[in-house]
C-alpha atoms as a PDB file:
ATOM      1  CA  UNK A   1      -9.842  -4.740  -0.601  1.00  0.00           C
ATOM      2  CA  UNK A   2      -7.685  -4.020  -3.652  1.00  0.00           C
ATOM      3  CA  UNK A   3      -4.244  -5.548  -3.977  1.00  0.00           C
ATOM      4  CA  UNK A   4      -1.897  -7.417  -6.278  1.00  0.00           C
ATOM      5  CA  UNK A   5      -0.252  -9.165  -3.309  1.00  0.00           C
ATOM      6  CA  UNK A   6      -1.842 -12.511  -2.281  1.00  0.00           C
ATOM      7  CA  UNK A   7      -2.538 -11.524   1.357  1.00  0.00           C
ATOM      8  CA  UNK A   8      -4.004 -14.879   2.375  1.00  0.00           C
ATOM      9  CA  UNK A   9      -4.651 -13.799   5.988  1.00  0.00           C
ATOM     10  CA  UNK A  10      -6.774 -10.774   5.059  1.00  0.00           C
ATOM     11  CA  UNK A  11     -10.077 -12.572   4.256  1.00  0.00           C
ATOM     12  CA  UNK A  12     -10.127 -14.324   7.637  1.00  0.00           C
ATOM     13  CA  UNK A  13      -9.108 -11.177   9.496  1.00  0.00           C
ATOM     14  CA  UNK A  14     -11.806  -9.086   7.833  1.00  0.00           C
ATOM     15  CA  UNK A  15     -14.536 -11.500   8.766  1.00  0.00           C
ATOM     16  CA  UNK A  16     -13.230 -12.132  12.277  1.00  0.00           C
ATOM     17  CA  UNK A  17     -13.600  -8.425  13.053  1.00  0.00           C
ATOM     18  CA  UNK A  18     -16.710  -7.639  10.985  1.00  0.00           C
ATOM     19  CA  UNK A  19     -20.253  -7.383  12.363  1.00  0.00           C
ATOM     20  CA  UNK A  20     -22.245 -10.576  12.011  1.00  0.00           C
ATOM     21  CA  UNK A  21     -24.056 -10.699   8.689  1.00  0.00           C
ATOM     22  CA  UNK A  22     -21.792  -8.190   6.944  1.00  0.00           C
ATOM     23  CA  UNK A  23     -20.452  -8.853   3.454  1.00  0.00           C
ATOM     24  CA  UNK A  24     -16.886  -8.281   2.228  1.00  0.00           C
ATOM     25  CA  UNK A  25     -15.831  -7.887  -1.415  1.00  0.00           C
ATOM     26  CA  UNK A  26     -12.154  -8.641  -2.045  1.00  0.00           C
ATOM     27  CA  UNK A  27     -10.659  -7.729  -5.392  1.00  0.00           C
ATOM     28  CA  UNK A  28      -7.583  -9.591  -6.503  1.00  0.00           C
ATOM     29  CA  UNK A  29      -6.152 -10.463  -9.862  1.00  0.00           C
ATOM     30  CA  UNK A  30      -7.360 -13.916 -10.988  1.00  0.00           C
ATOM     31  CA  UNK A  31      -4.112 -15.785 -10.266  1.00  0.00           C
ATOM     32  CA  UNK A  32      -3.870 -14.239  -6.811  1.00  0.00           C
ATOM     33  CA  UNK A  33      -7.389 -15.422  -5.993  1.00  0.00           C
ATOM     34  CA  UNK A  34      -6.406 -18.890  -7.190  1.00  0.00           C
ATOM     35  CA  UNK A  35      -3.408 -18.778  -4.830  1.00  0.00           C
ATOM     36  CA  UNK A  36      -5.567 -18.157  -1.764  1.00  0.00           C
ATOM     37  CA  UNK A  37      -6.195 -21.165   0.497  1.00  0.00           C
ATOM     38  CA  UNK A  38      -9.720 -22.520   0.526  1.00  0.00           C
ATOM     39  CA  UNK A  39     -11.917 -20.537   2.896  1.00  0.00           C
ATOM     40  CA  UNK A  40     -13.651 -22.264   5.820  1.00  0.00           C
ATOM     41  CA  UNK A  41     -17.366 -22.966   5.177  1.00  0.00           C
ATOM     42  CA  UNK A  42     -18.434 -20.478   7.844  1.00  0.00           C
ATOM     43  CA  UNK A  43     -16.655 -17.617   6.037  1.00  0.00           C
ATOM     44  CA  UNK A  44     -17.206 -18.318   2.350  1.00  0.00           C
ATOM     45  CA  UNK A  45     -20.873 -17.108   2.209  1.00  0.00           C
ATOM     46  CA  UNK A  46     -19.773 -13.713   3.561  1.00  0.00           C
ATOM     47  CA  UNK A  47     -16.913 -13.132   1.128  1.00  0.00           C
ATOM     48  CA  UNK A  48     -17.154 -12.200  -2.549  1.00  0.00           C
ATOM     49  CA  UNK A  49     -13.840 -12.698  -4.355  1.00  0.00           C
ATOM     50  CA  UNK A  50     -13.969 -10.492  -7.444  1.00  0.00           C
ATOM     51  CA  UNK A  51     -11.608 -11.328 -10.300  1.00  0.00           C
ATOM     52  CA  UNK A  52     -10.549  -8.403 -12.487  1.00  0.00           C
ATOM     53  CA  UNK A  53      -7.954  -9.402 -15.105  1.00  0.00           C
ATOM     54  CA  UNK A  54      -4.945  -7.150 -15.501  1.00  0.00           C
ATOM     55  CA  UNK A  55      -4.789  -5.183 -18.767  1.00  0.00           C
ATOM     56  CA  UNK A  56      -1.930  -6.112 -21.053  1.00  0.00           C
ATOM     57  CA  UNK A  57       0.996  -3.719 -21.195  1.00  0.00           C
ATOM     58  CA  UNK A  58       4.086  -3.973 -23.346  1.00  0.00           C
ATOM     59  CA  UNK A  59       7.034  -5.770 -21.705  1.00  0.00           C
ATOM     60  CA  UNK A  60       4.871  -7.453 -19.053  1.00  0.00           C
ATOM     61  CA  UNK A  61       5.221 -11.237 -19.499  1.00  0.00           C
ATOM     62  CA  UNK A  62       2.020 -13.090 -20.306  1.00  0.00           C
ATOM     63  CA  UNK A  63       0.088 -14.432 -17.295  1.00  0.00           C
ATOM     64  CA  UNK A  64       2.151 -12.399 -14.817  1.00  0.00           C
ATOM     65  CA  UNK A  65      -0.198 -11.005 -12.169  1.00  0.00           C
ATOM     66  CA  UNK A  66       1.936 -10.811  -9.015  1.00  0.00           C
ATOM     67  CA  UNK A  67       5.490  -9.947  -8.046  1.00  0.00           C
ATOM     68  CA  UNK A  68       6.250 -13.644  -7.473  1.00  0.00           C
ATOM     69  CA  UNK A  69       5.676 -14.194 -11.205  1.00  0.00           C
ATOM     70  CA  UNK A  70       8.389 -11.744 -12.238  1.00  0.00           C
ATOM     71  CA  UNK A  71      12.072 -10.918 -11.990  1.00  0.00           C
ATOM     72  CA  UNK A  72      12.722  -7.651 -10.187  1.00  0.00           C
ATOM     73  CA  UNK A  73      13.371  -5.598 -13.342  1.00  0.00           C
ATOM     74  CA  UNK A  74       9.893  -6.456 -14.705  1.00  0.00           C
ATOM     75  CA  UNK A  75       7.876  -5.513 -11.605  1.00  0.00           C
ATOM     76  CA  UNK A  76       7.390  -1.918 -12.750  1.00  0.00           C
ATOM     77  CA  UNK A  77       5.407  -3.190 -15.753  1.00  0.00           C
ATOM     78  CA  UNK A  78       3.098  -5.040 -13.381  1.00  0.00           C
ATOM     79  CA  UNK A  79       2.445  -1.760 -11.578  1.00  0.00           C
ATOM     80  CA  UNK A  80       1.826  -0.018 -14.912  1.00  0.00           C
ATOM     81  CA  UNK A  81      -0.801  -2.639 -15.750  1.00  0.00           C
ATOM     82  CA  UNK A  82      -2.297  -2.305 -12.289  1.00  0.00           C
ATOM     83  CA  UNK A  83      -2.651   1.463 -12.746  1.00  0.00           C
ATOM     84  CA  UNK A  84      -4.909   0.796 -15.729  1.00  0.00           C
ATOM     85  CA  UNK A  85      -7.414  -0.759 -13.324  1.00  0.00           C
ATOM     86  CA  UNK A  86      -8.175   2.640 -11.795  1.00  0.00           C
ATOM     87  CA  UNK A  87     -11.381   3.170 -13.790  1.00  0.00           C
ATOM     88  CA  UNK A  88     -12.700  -0.427 -13.508  1.00  0.00           C
ATOM     89  CA  UNK A  89     -12.140  -0.418  -9.745  1.00  0.00           C
ATOM     90  CA  UNK A  90     -13.796   2.996  -9.432  1.00  0.00           C
ATOM     91  CA  UNK A  91     -16.844   1.579 -11.226  1.00  0.00           C
ATOM     92  CA  UNK A  92     -16.810  -1.494  -8.981  1.00  0.00           C
ATOM     93  CA  UNK A  93     -16.875   0.760  -5.920  1.00  0.00           C
ATOM     94  CA  UNK A  94     -19.760   2.793  -7.342  1.00  0.00           C
ATOM     95  CA  UNK A  95     -21.756  -0.375  -7.947  1.00  0.00           C
ATOM     96  CA  UNK A  96     -20.918  -2.114  -4.656  1.00  0.00           C
ATOM     97  CA  UNK A  97     -21.057   1.030  -2.475  1.00  0.00           C
ATOM     98  CA  UNK A  98     -19.058  -0.533   0.388  1.00  0.00           C
ATOM     99  CA  UNK A  99     -18.581   1.058   3.795  1.00  0.00           C
ATOM    100  CA  UNK A 100     -14.795   0.661   3.607  1.00  0.00           C
ATOM    101  CA  UNK A 101     -12.098   0.007   1.042  1.00  0.00           C
ATOM    102  CA  UNK A 102      -8.677  -1.327   2.084  1.00  0.00           C
ATOM    103  CA  UNK A 103      -5.718  -1.026  -0.269  1.00  0.00           C
ATOM    104  CA  UNK A 104      -1.937  -1.305  -0.406  1.00  0.00           C
ATOM    105  CA  UNK A 105       0.697   0.975  -1.895  1.00  0.00           C
ATOM    106  CA  UNK A 106       0.315  -0.161  -5.507  1.00  0.00           C
ATOM    107  CA  UNK A 107      -3.169   1.358  -5.791  1.00  0.00           C
ATOM    108  CA  UNK A 108      -2.077   4.746  -4.452  1.00  0.00           C
ATOM    109  CA  UNK A 109      -4.891   6.354  -6.469  1.00  0.00           C
ATOM    110  CA  UNK A 110      -7.659   4.537  -4.575  1.00  0.00           C
ATOM    111  CA  UNK A 111      -7.934   6.838  -1.550  1.00  0.00           C
ATOM    112  CA  UNK A 112      -9.130   9.893  -3.529  1.00  0.00           C
ATOM    113  CA  UNK A 113     -11.596   7.719  -5.466  1.00  0.00           C
ATOM    114  CA  UNK A 114     -13.058   6.428  -2.206  1.00  0.00           C
ATOM    115  CA  UNK A 115     -13.298   9.967  -0.831  1.00  0.00           C
ATOM    116  CA  UNK A 116     -15.229  11.159  -3.895  1.00  0.00           C
ATOM    117  CA  UNK A 117     -17.668   8.274  -3.412  1.00  0.00           C
ATOM    118  CA  UNK A 118     -18.009   8.937   0.351  1.00  0.00           C
ATOM    119  CA  UNK A 119     -16.389   5.585   1.166  1.00  0.00           C
ATOM    120  CA  UNK A 120     -14.022   5.337   4.127  1.00  0.00           C
ATOM    121  CA  UNK A 121     -10.551   4.085   3.179  1.00  0.00           C
ATOM    122  CA  UNK A 122      -7.663   2.344   4.921  1.00  0.00           C
ATOM    123  CA  UNK A 123      -4.100   1.935   3.694  1.00  0.00           C
ATOM    124  CA  UNK A 124      -2.741  -1.489   4.673  1.00  0.00           C
ATOM    125  CA  UNK A 125       1.031  -1.194   5.074  1.00  0.00           C
ATOM    126  CA  UNK A 126       2.974  -4.353   4.259  1.00  0.00           C
ATOM    127  CA  UNK A 127       5.807  -3.025   6.454  1.00  0.00           C
ATOM    128  CA  UNK A 128       6.407  -2.940  10.193  1.00  0.00           C
ATOM    129  CA  UNK A 129       6.472   0.409  12.005  1.00  0.00           C
ATOM    130  CA  UNK A 130      10.287   0.647  12.075  1.00  0.00           C
ATOM    131  CA  UNK A 131      10.490   0.441   8.276  1.00  0.00           C
ATOM    132  CA  UNK A 132       7.632   2.892   7.751  1.00  0.00           C
ATOM    133  CA  UNK A 133       9.141   5.384  10.202  1.00  0.00           C
ATOM    134  CA  UNK A 134      12.533   5.115   8.478  1.00  0.00           C
ATOM    135  CA  UNK A 135      10.967   5.756   5.070  1.00  0.00           C
ATOM    136  CA  UNK A 136       9.349   8.980   6.301  1.00  0.00           C
ATOM    137  CA  UNK A 137       6.114  10.917   6.114  1.00  0.00           C
ATOM    138  CA  UNK A 138       3.878  11.140   3.063  1.00  0.00           C
ATOM    139  CA  UNK A 139       5.438  14.476   2.098  1.00  0.00           C
ATOM    140  CA  UNK A 140       8.958  13.028   2.310  1.00  0.00           C
ATOM    141  CA  UNK A 141       7.980   9.979   0.273  1.00  0.00           C
ATOM    142  CA  UNK A 142       6.371  12.105  -2.437  1.00  0.00           C
ATOM    143  CA  UNK A 143       9.428  14.383  -2.666  1.00  0.00           C
ATOM    144  CA  UNK A 144       7.569  17.431  -1.362  1.00  0.00           C
ATOM    145  CA  UNK A 145      10.122  18.355   1.307  1.00  0.00           C
ATOM    146  CA  UNK A 146      13.644  19.686   1.014  1.00  0.00           C
ATOM    147  CA  UNK A 147      15.040  16.823   3.084  1.00  0.00           C
ATOM    148  CA  UNK A 148      13.630  14.124   0.791  1.00  0.00           C
ATOM    149  CA  UNK A 149      16.308  11.599  -0.151  1.00  0.00           C
ATOM    150  CA  UNK A 150      17.692  11.787  -3.679  1.00  0.00           C
ATOM    151  CA  UNK A 151      20.681   9.393  -3.796  1.00  0.00           C
ATOM    152  CA  UNK A 152      21.402   5.868  -2.502  1.00  0.00           C
ATOM    153  CA  UNK A 153      23.772   7.059   0.218  1.00  0.00           C
ATOM    154  CA  UNK A 154      20.915   9.021   1.821  1.00  0.00           C
ATOM    155  CA  UNK A 155      19.295   5.709   2.754  1.00  0.00           C
ATOM    156  CA  UNK A 156      22.369   4.258   4.491  1.00  0.00           C
ATOM    157  CA  UNK A 157      22.039   6.408   7.630  1.00  0.00           C
ATOM    158  CA  UNK A 158      19.161   6.942  10.072  1.00  0.00           C
ATOM    159  CA  UNK A 159      17.070   9.892   8.820  1.00  0.00           C
ATOM    160  CA  UNK A 160      16.997  13.197  10.657  1.00  0.00           C
ATOM    161  CA  UNK A 161      13.237  13.031  11.195  1.00  0.00           C
ATOM    162  CA  UNK A 162      13.525  10.018  13.552  1.00  0.00           C
ATOM    163  CA  UNK A 163      13.666  11.784  16.969  1.00  0.00           C
ATOM    164  CA  UNK A 164      15.464   8.989  18.853  1.00  0.00           C
ATOM    165  CA  UNK A 165      18.563   6.850  18.437  1.00  0.00           C
ATOM    166  CA  UNK A 166      18.022   4.283  15.714  1.00  0.00           C
ATOM    167  CA  UNK A 167      20.097   1.806  13.731  1.00  0.00           C
ATOM    168  CA  UNK A 168      17.473   1.227  11.029  1.00  0.00           C
ATOM    169  CA  UNK A 169      19.057   1.915   7.632  1.00  0.00           C
ATOM    170  CA  UNK A 170      19.949   0.209   4.376  1.00  0.00           C
ATOM    171  CA  UNK A 171      23.361  -1.164   3.540  1.00  0.00           C
ATOM    172  CA  UNK A 172      24.616   0.408   0.330  1.00  0.00           C
ATOM    173  CA  UNK A 173      24.359  -2.797  -1.705  1.00  0.00           C
ATOM    174  CA  UNK A 174      20.758  -3.247  -0.515  1.00  0.00           C
ATOM    175  CA  UNK A 175      19.576   0.193  -1.578  1.00  0.00           C
ATOM    176  CA  UNK A 176      21.538   0.045  -4.843  1.00  0.00           C
ATOM    177  CA  UNK A 177      19.539  -3.022  -5.835  1.00  0.00           C
ATOM    178  CA  UNK A 178      16.176  -1.251  -5.537  1.00  0.00           C
ATOM    179  CA  UNK A 179      17.022   2.429  -5.958  1.00  0.00           C
ATOM    180  CA  UNK A 180      15.833   2.532  -9.563  1.00  0.00           C
ATOM    181  CA  UNK A 181      12.321   1.810  -8.262  1.00  0.00           C
ATOM    182  CA  UNK A 182      12.539   4.951  -6.104  1.00  0.00           C
ATOM    183  CA  UNK A 183      13.245   7.329  -8.991  1.00  0.00           C
ATOM    184  CA  UNK A 184      11.069   8.735 -11.761  1.00  0.00           C
ATOM    185  CA  UNK A 185      11.484   7.766 -15.396  1.00  0.00           C
ATOM    186  CA  UNK A 186       9.242   7.545 -18.457  1.00  0.00           C
ATOM    187  CA  UNK A 187       7.984   4.110 -17.409  1.00  0.00           C
ATOM    188  CA  UNK A 188       7.995   4.295 -13.646  1.00  0.00           C
ATOM    189  CA  UNK A 189       6.063   5.960 -10.842  1.00  0.00           C
ATOM    190  CA  UNK A 190       8.440   5.429  -7.902  1.00  0.00           C
ATOM    191  CA  UNK A 191       7.455   3.028  -5.148  1.00  0.00           C
ATOM    192  CA  UNK A 192       8.229   5.768  -2.631  1.00  0.00           C
ATOM    193  CA  UNK A 193       5.715   8.098  -4.298  1.00  0.00           C
ATOM    194  CA  UNK A 194       3.109   5.322  -4.265  1.00  0.00           C
ATOM    195  CA  UNK A 195       3.690   4.760  -0.535  1.00  0.00           C
ATOM    196  CA  UNK A 196       3.364   8.481   0.192  1.00  0.00           C
ATOM    197  CA  UNK A 197       0.273   9.047  -1.928  1.00  0.00           C
ATOM    198  CA  UNK A 198      -1.382   5.921  -0.489  1.00  0.00           C
ATOM    199  CA  UNK A 199      -0.881   7.311   3.022  1.00  0.00           C
ATOM    200  CA  UNK A 200      -1.893  10.836   2.059  1.00  0.00           C
ATOM    201  CA  UNK A 201      -5.164   9.748   0.476  1.00  0.00           C
ATOM    202  CA  UNK A 202      -6.542   7.451   3.171  1.00  0.00           C
ATOM    203  CA  UNK A 203      -8.592   7.868   6.336  1.00  0.00           C
ATOM    204  CA  UNK A 204      -6.812   5.166   8.356  1.00  0.00           C
ATOM    205  CA  UNK A 205      -3.362   3.547   8.208  1.00  0.00           C
ATOM    206  CA  UNK A 206      -3.006  -0.090   9.324  1.00  0.00           C
ATOM    207  CA  UNK A 207       0.567  -0.973  10.363  1.00  0.00           C
ATOM    208  CA  UNK A 208       1.889  -4.438  11.190  1.00  0.00           C
ATOM    209  CA  UNK A 209       3.125  -3.477  14.674  1.00  0.00           C
ATOM    210  CA  UNK A 210       1.830  -2.728  18.145  1.00  0.00           C
ATOM    211  CA  UNK A 211       2.790  -1.016  21.386  1.00  0.00           C
ATOM    212  CA  UNK A 212       3.360  -4.431  22.947  1.00  0.00           C
ATOM    213  CA  UNK A 213       6.387  -5.278  20.802  1.00  0.00           C
ATOM    214  CA  UNK A 214       9.823  -3.642  20.685  1.00  0.00           C
ATOM    215  CA  UNK A 215       8.714  -1.077  18.108  1.00  0.00           C
ATOM    216  CA  UNK A 216       6.729   1.190  20.411  1.00  0.00           C
ATOM    217  CA  UNK A 217       9.033   4.152  19.666  1.00  0.00           C
ATOM    218  CA  UNK A 218       8.516   3.710  15.947  1.00  0.00           C
ATOM    219  CA  UNK A 219       4.744   3.469  16.378  1.00  0.00           C
ATOM    220  CA  UNK A 220       4.863   6.804  18.226  1.00  0.00           C
ATOM    221  CA  UNK A 221       6.992   8.235  15.409  1.00  0.00           C
ATOM    222  CA  UNK A 222       4.340   7.255  12.882  1.00  0.00           C
ATOM    223  CA  UNK A 223       1.652   8.843  15.035  1.00  0.00           C
ATOM    224  CA  UNK A 224       3.589  12.112  14.889  1.00  0.00           C
ATOM    225  CA  UNK A 225       3.640  11.887  11.074  1.00  0.00           C
ATOM    226  CA  UNK A 226      -0.096  11.324  10.936  1.00  0.00           C
ATOM    227  CA  UNK A 227      -0.888  14.125  13.390  1.00  0.00           C
ATOM    228  CA  UNK A 228       1.097  16.501  11.168  1.00  0.00           C
ATOM    229  CA  UNK A 229      -0.809  15.246   8.121  1.00  0.00           C
ATOM    230  CA  UNK A 230      -4.157  15.755   9.861  1.00  0.00           C
ATOM    231  CA  UNK A 231      -3.209  19.272  10.943  1.00  0.00           C
ATOM    232  CA  UNK A 232      -2.089  20.138   7.406  1.00  0.00           C
ATOM    233  CA  UNK A 233      -5.376  18.845   5.981  1.00  0.00           C
ATOM    234  CA  UNK A 234      -7.388  20.912   8.454  1.00  0.00           C
ATOM    235  CA  UNK A 235      -5.407  24.045   7.605  1.00  0.00           C
ATOM    236  CA  UNK A 236      -6.054  23.480   3.904  1.00  0.00           C
ATOM    237  CA  UNK A 237      -9.836  23.560   4.393  1.00  0.00           C
END
């Protein structure tokens, strides 16, 4: 798994659902590994926690390796540093030759790397289905459709691609606070583009929701997105 978020539940979940005797390699930045709780003795032999230090980039405070280390306006520099890990992580995957790689939105470039190395890939969404459905398909998120949102007000109403009545939307002050992270500039690859490319490049999407909770309609909405993506990929072959 590759991430700069300290997902402390992931190591246990991976091993709970892995075949007996399998080995998992989890790549975090050093401080994020240090933040993880101590693993139970029955799991620690089956997990390899690989520390890869973040490269230094200008304007990123020293020793900052996670969003909790930074004010909001500095987070984009963390993502810039993280993007410089693309080649080291690609080499790690070549050497380890895992069956699967799991990643979050920050490493949007990991899916294509895994595909080139014949490694199956899964995008782990940090959001529930309702949020993911509101944000839109991979094409919408990457700005490849005419109905992609371009101004803060576009996020304050339910989007047209949600095929049922919904109240999920931002308040204007909420979207204004983060809108700069959804737009391109010389220093920033938008978070929305990262989300879209992460989805577009993977084999499987893991969402923090299920049919058993109140979000069943949103889960179905996401399935429609992914069916469209699969059909588009088949047509491109």
